Amino acid sequence: FPAGGGGGASWPRRRAQLLAARPDLVPVPVRGNVGTRLAKLDAGDVDALVLACAGLDRLGLGQRISQRLPVDLCLPPPGQGALAVEYATDREDLVRLLTPAIDAHTERAVAAERALTRALGADCTTPLGAHATVDGDAITLRATLLGPEGDHARSVADRGTDPIELGKRLADALVRLGATV
């Protein structure tokens, strides 16, 4: 982003994180599908866009990515990138077919992120970023809750083995720091 540039970031979390890192930016709400958003960039309506790299890669548009933001700068929303499949557990054929696809580390990481979200009473419009990683039995969870203008940023991190307890503990820590949803 050039100094004082206008950046397209529609989600409150991305907008708030960008403003926290670069208060000189002028956020520009950009709505529409990926093609519509890229057309606005190409037309010069915005100086830059912040989009999910995974989405651009999946659409075969990875070559449009000029910079991948580090996780520390722009924590993803809780549960980002995890896929869920619902199926009838009484169908043994489906259980046999789908059980090998379950990744225990991802399941535990998402459980911690979702526990944090529930404990805060947050939803998809809350400028909350959370990222859990699993190493053996240990889960590391980082979270940031910001005000809508990137102000009042509160960040916490901790480790534990129980994903639900860890998520609740980080929510409590954010509240003790003065974070509000």
Foldseek 3Di string as FASTA:
>chain_A
DPFLWEEEDAALQQQLLVCLVHVSYHYDHDDDDPVRRVVCCVVVVGVYYDDDCVVCVVVVNNVVDPDDDDCVSRAAQQPPPDDDDDDDPVPVVVCVVCVVVDDPQSVLFSLLRVLLCVLQVHDRRFNKGKGWGDDPQKIKMKMWGADSSNPPIDIDIDMDRHSNVNSNVVNVVRVVSPDHD
